[in-house]
Amino acid sequence: MDFRKSLLIETGSVLLGEAVCSAAMVGIFALLGSYDTTVLLGALFGALIATLNFFFMAIAATIASDKAVNQDVKGGEATVRISYIARMVVMAVVLFALVKSGLCNVFALVLPLVFTRPVLTLIEFFRKGDD
């Protein structure tokens, strides 16, 4: 399978998982009586940030593996390291700006970043053996 198609399928799966988990989180906020528009916006922005983080991480990993195949292991390591630092800095700035603006609930904004790991675990659990 072409790596671009595979990358888009994985990213779509992560986005779907983030949407389901974020919807459940918003429902829990509503059941607890803490729901307002900041929770909804926080869930939307948090899921978007988490999905974009995964997407750019996957692109960097693909580039690094291509470099490793071409015998440039140090270049691949540098690519992953620079990608990680850049993604963390951008995420920190965006999260800080959203929290300081008062537009988003802090917990609803940050929790979708935690959902990515269980979503990826479930995706791997249900993956077909031939992929």
Foldseek 3Di string as FASTA:
>chain_A
DDVVVVLVVVLVLLLVLLVVVLVVVLVVCVVVVNDDQQLVVLSVQQSVLLSVLSSLLSVLQVVLVVCVVVVNNVVSVVSNVVSVVVSVVVVVVVLVVCVVVVSHDNCSNNVSNVSSVVSVVVCVVPDDPVD
